[in-house]
Amino acid sequence: MIAFSDVAVSFDVTSANGSIRVVPYVVSVYDTGLDYDLHVLKSGASGTSNVSQSGSLHLRGGESRAVSTLAVSSAKGEACKVSITLMQAGRVIRTVSTDCGTGSAYQATR
């Protein structure tokens, strides 16, 4: 079983042409298998949308791996939050969230 400190998560979030693209990356100190739940929640004048995805991934120690790519439409002023929960053997290892609202490209690391 890996520990909280053995896993790092970063998000690559870009906004262009009315769309937000979210790519979470995970890196582990050790070779390991993890399950994940990924959620993007967007809200604004047009309402609220929630995009979710879950799955499994195998990580090689020290190698950063893209978990998935999610894209949602977006308009100026809408709020957007992305979160990922990593689990092993049914136990939560780490949950990381960040803002993904419209704006210039940025990367958030936790």
PDB file of N, CA and C in Angstrom:
ATOM      1  N   MET A   1       0.852  -1.177   0.000  1.00  0.00           N
ATOM      2  CA  MET A   1       0.000   0.000   0.000  1.00  0.00           C
ATOM      3  C   MET A   1       0.899   1.241   0.000  1.00  0.00           C
ATOM      4  N   ILE A   2       0.613   2.184  -0.886  1.00  0.00           N
ATOM      5  CA  ILE A   2       1.406   3.406  -0.943  1.00  0.00           C
ATOM      6  C   ILE A   2       0.815   4.465  -0.022  1.00  0.00           C
ATOM      7  N   ALA A   3       1.621   5.449   0.323  1.00  0.00           N
ATOM      8  CA  ALA A   3       1.203   6.521   1.227  1.00  0.00           C
ATOM      9  C   ALA A   3       0.887   7.789   0.444  1.00  0.00           C
ATOM     10  N   PHE A   4       0.181   8.699   1.100  1.00  0.00           N
ATOM     11  CA  PHE A   4      -0.196   9.998   0.538  1.00  0.00           C
ATOM     12  C   PHE A   4       1.006  10.700  -0.080  1.00  0.00           C
ATOM     13  N   SER A   5       2.129  10.703   0.629  1.00  0.00           N
ATOM     14  CA  SER A   5       3.316  11.435   0.177  1.00  0.00           C
ATOM     15  C   SER A   5       4.025  10.765  -1.004  1.00  0.00           C
ATOM     16  N   ASP A   6       3.641   9.538  -1.338  1.00  0.00           N
ATOM     17  CA  ASP A   6       4.274   8.819  -2.446  1.00  0.00           C
ATOM     18  C   ASP A   6       3.674   9.151  -3.812  1.00  0.00           C
ATOM     19  N   VAL A   7       2.592   9.945  -3.829  1.00  0.00           N
ATOM     20  CA  VAL A   7       1.875  10.237  -5.071  1.00  0.00           C
ATOM     21  C   VAL A   7       1.708  11.742  -5.242  1.00  0.00           C
ATOM     22  N   ALA A   8       2.034  12.248  -6.434  1.00  0.00           N
ATOM     23  CA  ALA A   8       1.834  13.671  -6.749  1.00  0.00           C
ATOM     24  C   ALA A   8       0.853  13.778  -7.914  1.00  0.00           C
ATOM     25  N   VAL A   9       0.048  14.845  -7.893  1.00  0.00           N
ATOM     26  CA  VAL A   9      -0.945  15.095  -8.935  1.00  0.00           C
ATOM     27  C   VAL A   9      -0.747  16.498  -9.474  1.00  0.00           C
ATOM     28  N   SER A  10      -0.832  16.653 -10.786  1.00  0.00           N
ATOM     29  CA  SER A  10      -0.836  17.986 -11.392  1.00  0.00           C
ATOM     30  C   SER A  10      -1.933  18.018 -12.448  1.00  0.00           C
ATOM     31  N   PHE A  11      -2.434  19.209 -12.724  1.00  0.00           N
ATOM     32  CA  PHE A  11      -3.468  19.395 -13.745  1.00  0.00           C
ATOM     33  C   PHE A  11      -2.935  20.333 -14.813  1.00  0.00           C
ATOM     34  N   ASP A  12      -3.106  19.960 -16.062  1.00  0.00           N
ATOM     35  CA  ASP A  12      -2.847  20.859 -17.176  1.00  0.00           C
ATOM     36  C   ASP A  12      -4.224  21.309 -17.658  1.00  0.00           C
ATOM     37  N   VAL A  13      -4.533  22.595 -17.464  1.00  0.00           N
ATOM     38  CA  VAL A  13      -5.843  23.141 -17.816  1.00  0.00           C
ATOM     39  C   VAL A  13      -5.643  24.242 -18.846  1.00  0.00           C
ATOM     40  N   THR A  14      -6.286  24.091 -20.008  1.00  0.00           N
ATOM     41  CA  THR A  14      -6.191  25.117 -21.041  1.00  0.00           C
ATOM     42  C   THR A  14      -7.592  25.523 -21.481  1.00  0.00           C
ATOM     43  N   SER A  15      -7.705  26.774 -21.877  1.00  0.00           N
ATOM     44  CA  SER A  15      -8.980  27.317 -22.334  1.00  0.00           C
ATOM     45  C   SER A  15      -8.769  27.954 -23.700  1.00  0.00           C
ATOM     46  N   ALA A  16      -9.571  27.525 -24.676  1.00  0.00           N
ATOM     47  CA  ALA A  16      -9.474  28.093 -26.024  1.00  0.00           C
ATOM     48  C   ALA A  16     -10.772  27.848 -26.779  1.00  0.00           C
ATOM     49  N   ASN A  17     -11.177  28.831 -27.554  1.00  0.00           N
ATOM     50  CA  ASN A  17     -12.337  28.695 -28.443  1.00  0.00           C
ATOM     51  C   ASN A  17     -13.595  28.190 -27.738  1.00  0.00           C
ATOM     52  N   GLY A  18     -13.863  28.696 -26.529  1.00  0.00           N
ATOM     53  CA  GLY A  18     -15.078  28.326 -25.815  1.00  0.00           C
ATOM     54  C   GLY A  18     -15.064  26.949 -25.198  1.00  0.00           C
ATOM     55  N   SER A  19     -13.882  26.374 -25.017  1.00  0.00           N
ATOM     56  CA  SER A  19     -13.763  25.042 -24.446  1.00  0.00           C
ATOM     57  C   SER A  19     -12.636  25.014 -23.413  1.00  0.00           C
ATOM     58  N   ILE A  20     -12.848  24.252 -22.354  1.00  0.00           N
ATOM     59  CA  ILE A  20     -11.812  24.036 -21.339  1.00  0.00           C
ATOM     60  C   ILE A  20     -11.363  22.585 -21.455  1.00  0.00           C
ATOM     61  N   ARG A  21     -10.061  22.385 -21.555  1.00  0.00           N
ATOM     62  CA  ARG A  21      -9.466  21.048 -21.651  1.00  0.00           C
ATOM     63  C   ARG A  21      -8.698  20.780 -20.366  1.00  0.00           C
ATOM     64  N   VAL A  22      -9.001  19.657 -19.717  1.00  0.00           N
ATOM     65  CA  VAL A  22      -8.384  19.298 -18.440  1.00  0.00           C
ATOM     66  C   VAL A  22      -7.665  17.960 -18.595  1.00  0.00           C
ATOM     67  N   VAL A  23      -6.368  17.949 -18.247  1.00  0.00           N
ATOM     68  CA  VAL A  23      -5.584  16.711 -18.275  1.00  0.00           C
ATOM     69  C   VAL A  23      -4.901  16.556 -16.918  1.00  0.00           C
ATOM     70  N   PRO A  24      -5.344  15.604 -16.096  1.00  0.00           N
ATOM     71  CA  PRO A  24      -4.656  15.347 -14.835  1.00  0.00           C
ATOM     72  C   PRO A  24      -3.473  14.396 -15.062  1.00  0.00           C
ATOM     73  N   TYR A  25      -2.378  14.670 -14.376  1.00  0.00           N
ATOM     74  CA  TYR A  25      -1.185  13.821 -14.420  1.00  0.00           C
ATOM     75  C   TYR A  25      -0.911  13.289 -13.023  1.00  0.00           C
ATOM     76  N   VAL A  26      -0.475  12.035 -12.949  1.00  0.00           N
ATOM     77  CA  VAL A  26      -0.159  11.404 -11.672  1.00  0.00           C
ATOM     78  C   VAL A  26       1.233  10.805 -11.773  1.00  0.00           C
ATOM     79  N   VAL A  27       2.006  10.962 -10.705  1.00  0.00           N
ATOM     80  CA  VAL A  27       3.321  10.328 -10.621  1.00  0.00           C
ATOM     81  C   VAL A  27       3.447   9.691  -9.240  1.00  0.00           C
ATOM     82  N   SER A  28       4.019   8.498  -9.199  1.00  0.00           N
ATOM     83  CA  SER A  28       4.212   7.773  -7.947  1.00  0.00           C
ATOM     84  C   SER A  28       5.697   7.487  -7.757  1.00  0.00           C
ATOM     85  N   VAL A  29       6.107   7.431  -6.525  1.00  0.00           N
ATOM     86  CA  VAL A  29       7.492   7.085  -6.209  1.00  0.00           C
ATOM     87  C   VAL A  29       7.771   5.631  -6.620  1.00  0.00           C
ATOM     88  N   TYR A  30       6.766   4.772  -6.478  1.00  0.00           N
ATOM     89  CA  TYR A  30       6.928   3.338  -6.727  1.00  0.00           C
ATOM     90  C   TYR A  30       6.038   2.871  -7.878  1.00  0.00           C
ATOM     91  N   ASP A  31       6.387   1.740  -8.489  1.00  0.00           N
ATOM     92  CA  ASP A  31       5.467   1.080  -9.419  1.00  0.00           C
ATOM     93  C   ASP A  31       4.225   0.699  -8.624  1.00  0.00           C
ATOM     94  N   THR A  32       3.056   1.041  -9.136  1.00  0.00           N
ATOM     95  CA  THR A  32       1.833   0.729  -8.404  1.00  0.00           C
ATOM     96  C   THR A  32       0.618   0.796  -9.311  1.00  0.00           C
ATOM     97  N   GLY A  33      -0.449   0.214  -8.872  1.00  0.00           N
ATOM     98  CA  GLY A  33      -1.734   0.315  -9.551  1.00  0.00           C
ATOM     99  C   GLY A  33      -2.685   1.135  -8.699  1.00  0.00           C
ATOM    100  N   LEU A  34      -3.449   2.017  -9.334  1.00  0.00           N
ATOM    101  CA  LEU A  34      -4.396   2.875  -8.625  1.00  0.00           C
ATOM    102  C   LEU A  34      -5.717   2.922  -9.380  1.00  0.00           C
ATOM    103  N   ASP A  35      -6.779   3.169  -8.645  1.00  0.00           N
ATOM    104  CA  ASP A  35      -8.072   3.493  -9.237  1.00  0.00           C
ATOM    105  C   ASP A  35      -8.261   4.990  -9.089  1.00  0.00           C
ATOM    106  N   TYR A  36      -9.059   5.589  -9.973  1.00  0.00           N
ATOM    107  CA  TYR A  36      -9.291   7.028  -9.886  1.00  0.00           C
ATOM    108  C   TYR A  36     -10.746   7.374 -10.168  1.00  0.00           C
ATOM    109  N   ASP A  37     -11.198   8.465  -9.568  1.00  0.00           N
ATOM    110  CA  ASP A  37     -12.475   9.110  -9.873  1.00  0.00           C
ATOM    111  C   ASP A  37     -12.137  10.544 -10.233  1.00  0.00           C
ATOM    112  N   LEU A  38     -12.537  10.964 -11.419  1.00  0.00           N
ATOM    113  CA  LEU A  38     -12.249  12.301 -11.923  1.00  0.00           C
ATOM    114  C   LEU A  38     -13.570  13.029 -12.144  1.00  0.00           C
ATOM    115  N   HIS A  39     -13.678  14.267 -11.642  1.00  0.00           N
ATOM    116  CA  HIS A  39     -14.916  15.042 -11.758  1.00  0.00           C
ATOM    117  C   HIS A  39     -14.604  16.465 -12.205  1.00  0.00           C
ATOM    118  N   VAL A  40     -15.401  16.970 -13.141  1.00  0.00           N
ATOM    119  CA  VAL A  40     -15.356  18.375 -13.532  1.00  0.00           C
ATOM    120  C   VAL A  40     -16.759  18.927 -13.316  1.00  0.00           C
ATOM    121  N   LEU A  41     -16.864  19.967 -12.496  1.00  0.00           N
ATOM    122  CA  LEU A  41     -18.140  20.622 -12.211  1.00  0.00           C
ATOM    123  C   LEU A  41     -18.070  22.041 -12.742  1.00  0.00           C
ATOM    124  N   LYS A  42     -19.007  22.374 -13.631  1.00  0.00           N
ATOM    125  CA  LYS A  42     -19.033  23.698 -14.249  1.00  0.00           C
ATOM    126  C   LYS A  42     -20.393  24.315 -13.988  1.00  0.00           C
ATOM    127  N   SER A  43     -20.408  25.603 -13.606  1.00  0.00           N
ATOM    128  CA  SER A  43     -21.689  26.273 -13.383  1.00  0.00           C
ATOM    129  C   SER A  43     -21.613  27.713 -13.858  1.00  0.00           C
ATOM    130  N   GLY A  44     -22.756  28.194 -14.318  1.00  0.00           N
ATOM    131  CA  GLY A  44     -22.841  29.562 -14.815  1.00  0.00           C
ATOM    132  C   GLY A  44     -24.275  29.898 -15.147  1.00  0.00           C
ATOM    133  N   ALA A  45     -24.453  30.933 -15.941  1.00  0.00           N
ATOM    134  CA  ALA A  45     -25.788  31.410 -16.288  1.00  0.00           C
ATOM    135  C   ALA A  45     -26.614  30.350 -17.018  1.00  0.00           C
ATOM    136  N   SER A  46     -25.958  29.478 -17.756  1.00  0.00           N
ATOM    137  CA  SER A  46     -26.680  28.456 -18.522  1.00  0.00           C
ATOM    138  C   SER A  46     -27.013  27.216 -17.700  1.00  0.00           C
ATOM    139  N   GLY A  47     -26.585  27.167 -16.439  1.00  0.00           N
ATOM    140  CA  GLY A  47     -26.876  26.024 -15.581  1.00  0.00           C
ATOM    141  C   GLY A  47     -25.613  25.350 -15.082  1.00  0.00           C
ATOM    142  N   THR A  48     -25.771  24.116 -14.639  1.00  0.00           N
ATOM    143  CA  THR A  48     -24.667  23.357 -14.059  1.00  0.00           C
ATOM    144  C   THR A  48     -24.482  22.059 -14.831  1.00  0.00           C
ATOM    145  N   SER A  49     -23.228  21.694 -15.058  1.00  0.00           N
ATOM    146  CA  SER A  49     -22.944  20.390 -15.661  1.00  0.00           C
ATOM    147  C   SER A  49     -21.848  19.701 -14.862  1.00  0.00           C
ATOM    148  N   ASN A  50     -21.944  18.379 -14.809  1.00  0.00           N
ATOM    149  CA  ASN A  50     -21.004  17.573 -14.049  1.00  0.00           C
ATOM    150  C   ASN A  50     -20.534  16.434 -14.953  1.00  0.00           C
ATOM    151  N   VAL A  51     -19.239  16.383 -15.212  1.00  0.00           N
ATOM    152  CA  VAL A  51     -18.660  15.320 -16.028  1.00  0.00           C
ATOM    153  C   VAL A  51     -17.803  14.459 -15.105  1.00  0.00           C
ATOM    154  N   SER A  52     -18.036  13.153 -15.133  1.00  0.00           N
ATOM    155  CA  SER A  52     -17.291  12.240 -14.266  1.00  0.00           C
ATOM    156  C   SER A  52     -16.709  11.101 -15.085  1.00  0.00           C
ATOM    157  N   GLN A  53     -15.579  10.610 -14.615  1.00  0.00           N
ATOM    158  CA  GLN A  53     -14.939   9.466 -15.251  1.00  0.00           C
ATOM    159  C   GLN A  53     -14.193   8.704 -14.170  1.00  0.00           C
ATOM    160  N   SER A  54     -14.164   7.393 -14.269  1.00  0.00           N
ATOM    161  CA  SER A  54     -13.392   6.595 -13.320  1.00  0.00           C
ATOM    162  C   SER A  54     -12.705   5.471 -14.075  1.00  0.00           C
ATOM    163  N   GLY A  55     -11.667   4.936 -13.454  1.00  0.00           N
ATOM    164  CA  GLY A  55     -10.930   3.861 -14.094  1.00  0.00           C
ATOM    165  C   GLY A  55      -9.744   3.431 -13.262  1.00  0.00           C
ATOM    166  N   SER A  56      -8.884   2.662 -13.872  1.00  0.00           N
ATOM    167  CA  SER A  56      -7.674   2.156 -13.222  1.00  0.00           C
ATOM    168  C   SER A  56      -6.468   2.531 -14.060  1.00  0.00           C
ATOM    169  N   LEU A  57      -5.326   2.683 -13.413  1.00  0.00           N
ATOM    170  CA  LEU A  57      -4.090   2.945 -14.133  1.00  0.00           C
ATOM    171  C   LEU A  57      -2.925   2.295 -13.414  1.00  0.00           C
ATOM    172  N   HIS A  58      -1.912   1.953 -14.185  1.00  0.00           N
ATOM    173  CA  HIS A  58      -0.682   1.407 -13.612  1.00  0.00           C
ATOM    174  C   HIS A  58       0.417   2.440 -13.812  1.00  0.00           C
ATOM    175  N   LEU A  59       1.124   2.732 -12.746  1.00  0.00           N
ATOM    176  CA  LEU A  59       2.190   3.731 -12.787  1.00  0.00           C
ATOM    177  C   LEU A  59       3.543   3.071 -12.600  1.00  0.00           C
ATOM    178  N   ARG A  60       4.522   3.530 -13.369  1.00  0.00           N
ATOM    179  CA  ARG A  60       5.915   3.130 -13.153  1.00  0.00           C
ATOM    180  C   ARG A  60       6.533   4.175 -12.237  1.00  0.00           C
ATOM    181  N   GLY A  61       7.320   3.752 -11.301  1.00  0.00           N
ATOM    182  CA  GLY A  61       7.938   4.668 -10.352  1.00  0.00           C
ATOM    183  C   GLY A  61       8.666   5.812 -11.034  1.00  0.00           C
ATOM    184  N   GLY A  62       8.327   7.045 -10.644  1.00  0.00           N
ATOM    185  CA  GLY A  62       8.990   8.234 -11.154  1.00  0.00           C
ATOM    186  C   GLY A  62       8.484   8.746 -12.488  1.00  0.00           C
ATOM    187  N   GLU A  63       7.584   8.025 -13.135  1.00  0.00           N
ATOM    188  CA  GLU A  63       7.087   8.424 -14.452  1.00  0.00           C
ATOM    189  C   GLU A  63       5.729   9.123 -14.332  1.00  0.00           C
ATOM    190  N   SER A  64       5.635  10.334 -14.892  1.00  0.00           N
ATOM    191  CA  SER A  64       4.377  11.075 -14.890  1.00  0.00           C
ATOM    192  C   SER A  64       3.461  10.513 -15.970  1.00  0.00           C
ATOM    193  N   ARG A  65       2.198  10.301 -15.620  1.00  0.00           N
ATOM    194  CA  ARG A  65       1.263   9.708 -16.576  1.00  0.00           C
ATOM    195  C   ARG A  65      -0.029  10.506 -16.641  1.00  0.00           C
ATOM    196  N   ALA A  66      -0.466  10.817 -17.856  1.00  0.00           N
ATOM    197  CA  ALA A  66      -1.765  11.466 -18.047  1.00  0.00           C
ATOM    198  C   ALA A  66      -2.851  10.440 -17.742  1.00  0.00           C
ATOM    199  N   VAL A  67      -3.792  10.831 -16.896  1.00  0.00           N
ATOM    200  CA  VAL A  67      -4.873   9.928 -16.520  1.00  0.00           C
ATOM    201  C   VAL A  67      -5.933   9.879 -17.614  1.00  0.00           C
ATOM    202  N   SER A  68      -6.300  11.041 -18.124  1.00  0.00           N
ATOM    203  CA  SER A  68      -7.379  11.163 -19.093  1.00  0.00           C
ATOM    204  C   SER A  68      -7.375  12.583 -19.637  1.00  0.00           C
ATOM    205  N   THR A  69      -8.182  12.841 -20.642  1.00  0.00           N
ATOM    206  CA  THR A  69      -8.407  14.198 -21.128  1.00  0.00           C
ATOM    207  C   THR A  69      -9.911  14.435 -21.159  1.00  0.00           C
ATOM    208  N   LEU A  70     -10.350  15.483 -20.474  1.00  0.00           N
ATOM    209  CA  LEU A  70     -11.758  15.864 -20.476  1.00  0.00           C
ATOM    210  C   LEU A  70     -11.876  17.259 -21.050  1.00  0.00           C
ATOM    211  N   ALA A  71     -12.913  17.489 -21.834  1.00  0.00           N
ATOM    212  CA  ALA A  71     -13.160  18.823 -22.380  1.00  0.00           C
ATOM    213  C   ALA A  71     -14.613  19.201 -22.118  1.00  0.00           C
ATOM    214  N   VAL A  72     -14.826  20.438 -21.684  1.00  0.00           N
ATOM    215  CA  VAL A  72     -16.177  20.954 -21.466  1.00  0.00           C
ATOM    216  C   VAL A  72     -16.282  22.320 -22.122  1.00  0.00           C
ATOM    217  N   SER A  73     -17.472  22.636 -22.628  1.00  0.00           N
ATOM    218  CA  SER A  73     -17.675  23.967 -23.199  1.00  0.00           C
ATOM    219  C   SER A  73     -17.717  24.973 -22.059  1.00  0.00           C
ATOM    220  N   SER A  74     -17.357  26.209 -22.372  1.00  0.00           N
ATOM    221  CA  SER A  74     -17.293  27.216 -21.325  1.00  0.00           C
ATOM    222  C   SER A  74     -17.541  28.596 -21.903  1.00  0.00           C
ATOM    223  N   ALA A  75     -18.149  29.436 -21.086  1.00  0.00           N
ATOM    224  CA  ALA A  75     -18.368  30.833 -21.449  1.00  0.00           C
ATOM    225  C   ALA A  75     -17.720  31.703 -20.381  1.00  0.00           C
ATOM    226  N   LYS A  76     -17.398  32.922 -20.755  1.00  0.00           N
ATOM    227  CA  LYS A  76     -16.752  33.840 -19.828  1.00  0.00           C
ATOM    228  C   LYS A  76     -17.587  33.981 -18.553  1.00  0.00           C
ATOM    229  N   GLY A  77     -16.902  33.924 -17.420  1.00  0.00           N
ATOM    230  CA  GLY A  77     -17.549  34.102 -16.133  1.00  0.00           C
ATOM    231  C   GLY A  77     -18.086  32.832 -15.498  1.00  0.00           C
ATOM    232  N   GLU A  78     -18.038  31.717 -16.204  1.00  0.00           N
ATOM    233  CA  GLU A  78     -18.512  30.470 -15.612  1.00  0.00           C
ATOM    234  C   GLU A  78     -17.471  29.926 -14.637  1.00  0.00           C
ATOM    235  N   ALA A  79     -17.955  29.281 -13.591  1.00  0.00           N
ATOM    236  CA  ALA A  79     -17.069  28.660 -12.605  1.00  0.00           C
ATOM    237  C   ALA A  79     -16.824  27.210 -13.009  1.00  0.00           C
ATOM    238  N   CYS A  80     -15.621  26.742 -12.756  1.00  0.00           N
ATOM    239  CA  CYS A  80     -15.265  25.371 -13.109  1.00  0.00           C
ATOM    240  C   CYS A  80     -14.307  24.837 -12.052  1.00  0.00           C
ATOM    241  N   LYS A  81     -14.565  23.610 -11.594  1.00  0.00           N
ATOM    242  CA  LYS A  81     -13.692  22.978 -10.610  1.00  0.00           C
ATOM    243  C   LYS A  81     -13.448  21.540 -11.052  1.00  0.00           C
ATOM    244  N   VAL A  82     -12.196  21.110 -10.973  1.00  0.00           N
ATOM    245  CA  VAL A  82     -11.834  19.736 -11.300  1.00  0.00           C
ATOM    246  C   VAL A  82     -11.254  19.085 -10.051  1.00  0.00           C
ATOM    247  N   SER A  83     -11.601  17.816  -9.833  1.00  0.00           N
ATOM    248  CA  SER A  83     -11.028  17.083  -8.705  1.00  0.00           C
ATOM    249  C   SER A  83     -10.778  15.639  -9.124  1.00  0.00           C
ATOM    250  N   ILE A  84      -9.746  15.066  -8.526  1.00  0.00           N
ATOM    251  CA  ILE A  84      -9.429  13.662  -8.767  1.00  0.00           C
ATOM    252  C   ILE A  84      -9.175  12.998  -7.422  1.00  0.00           C
ATOM    253  N   THR A  85      -9.740  11.817  -7.259  1.00  0.00           N
ATOM    254  CA  THR A  85      -9.511  11.008  -6.069  1.00  0.00           C
ATOM    255  C   THR A  85      -8.795   9.743  -6.513  1.00  0.00           C
ATOM    256  N   LEU A  86      -7.672   9.451  -5.869  1.00  0.00           N
ATOM    257  CA  LEU A  86      -6.885   8.252  -6.166  1.00  0.00           C
ATOM    258  C   LEU A  86      -7.084   7.249  -5.039  1.00  0.00           C
ATOM    259  N   MET A  87      -7.305   5.988  -5.407  1.00  0.00           N
ATOM    260  CA  MET A  87      -7.567   4.943  -4.421  1.00  0.00           C
ATOM    261  C   MET A  87      -6.729   3.708  -4.717  1.00  0.00           C
ATOM    262  N   GLN A  88      -6.450   2.972  -3.644  1.00  0.00           N
ATOM    263  CA  GLN A  88      -5.765   1.692  -3.791  1.00  0.00           C
ATOM    264  C   GLN A  88      -6.422   0.714  -2.829  1.00  0.00           C
ATOM    265  N   ALA A  89      -6.839  -0.433  -3.342  1.00  0.00           N
ATOM    266  CA  ALA A  89      -7.525  -1.451  -2.541  1.00  0.00           C
ATOM    267  C   ALA A  89      -8.715  -0.855  -1.786  1.00  0.00           C
ATOM    268  N   GLY A  90      -9.448   0.050  -2.446  1.00  0.00           N
ATOM    269  CA  GLY A  90     -10.629   0.656  -1.842  1.00  0.00           C
ATOM    270  C   GLY A  90     -10.356   1.764  -0.850  1.00  0.00           C
ATOM    271  N   ARG A  91      -9.099   2.081  -0.607  1.00  0.00           N
ATOM    272  CA  ARG A  91      -8.730   3.126   0.357  1.00  0.00           C
ATOM    273  C   ARG A  91      -8.292   4.376  -0.394  1.00  0.00           C
ATOM    274  N   VAL A  92      -8.840   5.527   0.020  1.00  0.00           N
ATOM    275  CA  VAL A  92      -8.464   6.793  -0.611  1.00  0.00           C
ATOM    276  C   VAL A  92      -7.025   7.135  -0.246  1.00  0.00           C
ATOM    277  N   ILE A  93      -6.200   7.347  -1.273  1.00  0.00           N
ATOM    278  CA  ILE A  93      -4.801   7.728  -1.089  1.00  0.00           C
ATOM    279  C   ILE A  93      -4.664   9.244  -1.109  1.00  0.00           C
ATOM    280  N   ARG A  94      -5.376   9.873  -2.049  1.00  0.00           N
ATOM    281  CA  ARG A  94      -5.222  11.322  -2.210  1.00  0.00           C
ATOM    282  C   ARG A  94      -6.396  11.873  -3.008  1.00  0.00           C
ATOM    283  N   THR A  95      -6.870  13.069  -2.609  1.00  0.00           N
ATOM    284  CA  THR A  95      -7.861  13.826  -3.372  1.00  0.00           C
ATOM    285  C   THR A  95      -7.289  15.212  -3.606  1.00  0.00           C
ATOM    286  N   VAL A  96      -7.316  15.647  -4.864  1.00  0.00           N
ATOM    287  CA  VAL A  96      -6.764  16.958  -5.230  1.00  0.00           C
ATOM    288  C   VAL A  96      -7.793  17.678  -6.093  1.00  0.00           C
ATOM    289  N   SER A  97      -8.001  18.973  -5.812  1.00  0.00           N
ATOM    290  CA  SER A  97      -8.941  19.797  -6.579  1.00  0.00           C
ATOM    291  C   SER A  97      -8.275  21.102  -6.972  1.00  0.00           C
ATOM    292  N   THR A  98      -8.750  21.678  -8.071  1.00  0.00           N
ATOM    293  CA  THR A  98      -8.272  22.994  -8.488  1.00  0.00           C
ATOM    294  C   THR A  98      -9.337  23.671  -9.339  1.00  0.00           C
ATOM    295  N   ASP A  99      -9.229  24.968  -9.469  1.00  0.00           N
ATOM    296  CA  ASP A  99     -10.110  25.755 -10.313  1.00  0.00           C
ATOM    297  C   ASP A  99      -9.740  25.511 -11.773  1.00  0.00           C
ATOM    298  N   CYS A 100     -10.729  25.443 -12.630  1.00  0.00           N
ATOM    299  CA  CYS A 100     -10.459  25.297 -14.063  1.00  0.00           C
ATOM    300  C   CYS A 100     -11.289  26.289 -14.869  1.00  0.00           C
ATOM    301  N   GLY A 101     -11.615  27.430 -14.255  1.00  0.00           N
ATOM    302  CA  GLY A 101     -12.423  28.451 -14.914  1.00  0.00           C
ATOM    303  C   GLY A 101     -11.738  29.035 -16.127  1.00  0.00           C
ATOM    304  N   THR A 102     -12.508  29.777 -16.921  1.00  0.00           N
ATOM    305  CA  THR A 102     -11.968  30.347 -18.150  1.00  0.00           C
ATOM    306  C   THR A 102     -10.833  31.306 -17.846  1.00  0.00           C
ATOM    307  N   GLY A 103      -9.939  31.397 -18.773  1.00  0.00           N
ATOM    308  CA  GLY A 103      -8.769  32.259 -18.616  1.00  0.00           C
ATOM    309  C   GLY A 103      -7.620  31.683 -19.408  1.00  0.00           C
ATOM    310  N   SER A 104      -6.437  32.172 -19.154  1.00  0.00           N
ATOM    311  CA  SER A 104      -5.280  31.691 -19.897  1.00  0.00           C
ATOM    312  C   SER A 104      -4.853  30.319 -19.385  1.00  0.00           C
ATOM    313  N   ALA A 105      -4.014  29.662 -20.151  1.00  0.00           N
ATOM    314  CA  ALA A 105      -3.524  28.340 -19.775  1.00  0.00           C
ATOM    315  C   ALA A 105      -2.708  28.433 -18.497  1.00  0.00           C
ATOM    316  N   TYR A 106      -2.855  27.435 -17.645  1.00  0.00           N
ATOM    317  CA  TYR A 106      -2.074  27.385 -16.416  1.00  0.00           C
ATOM    318  C   TYR A 106      -1.956  25.943 -15.979  1.00  0.00           C
ATOM    319  N   GLN A 107      -1.056  25.717 -15.044  1.00  0.00           N
ATOM    320  CA  GLN A 107      -0.892  24.383 -14.497  1.00  0.00           C
ATOM    321  C   GLN A 107      -0.940  24.482 -12.988  1.00  0.00           C
ATOM    322  N   ALA A 108      -1.719  23.616 -12.380  1.00  0.00           N
ATOM    323  CA  ALA A 108      -1.821  23.573 -10.924  1.00  0.00           C
ATOM    324  C   ALA A 108      -1.223  22.262 -10.447  1.00  0.00           C
ATOM    325  N   THR A 109      -0.384  22.321  -9.443  1.00  0.00           N
ATOM    326  CA  THR A 109       0.253  21.124  -8.900  1.00  0.00           C
ATOM    327  C   THR A 109      -0.020  21.048  -7.414  1.00  0.00           C
ATOM    328  N   ARG A 110      -0.366  19.868  -6.953  1.00  0.00           N
ATOM    329  CA  ARG A 110      -0.605  19.658  -5.527  1.00  0.00           C
ATOM    330  C   ARG A 110       0.022  18.350  -5.131  1.00  0.00           C
TER     331      ARG A 110
END
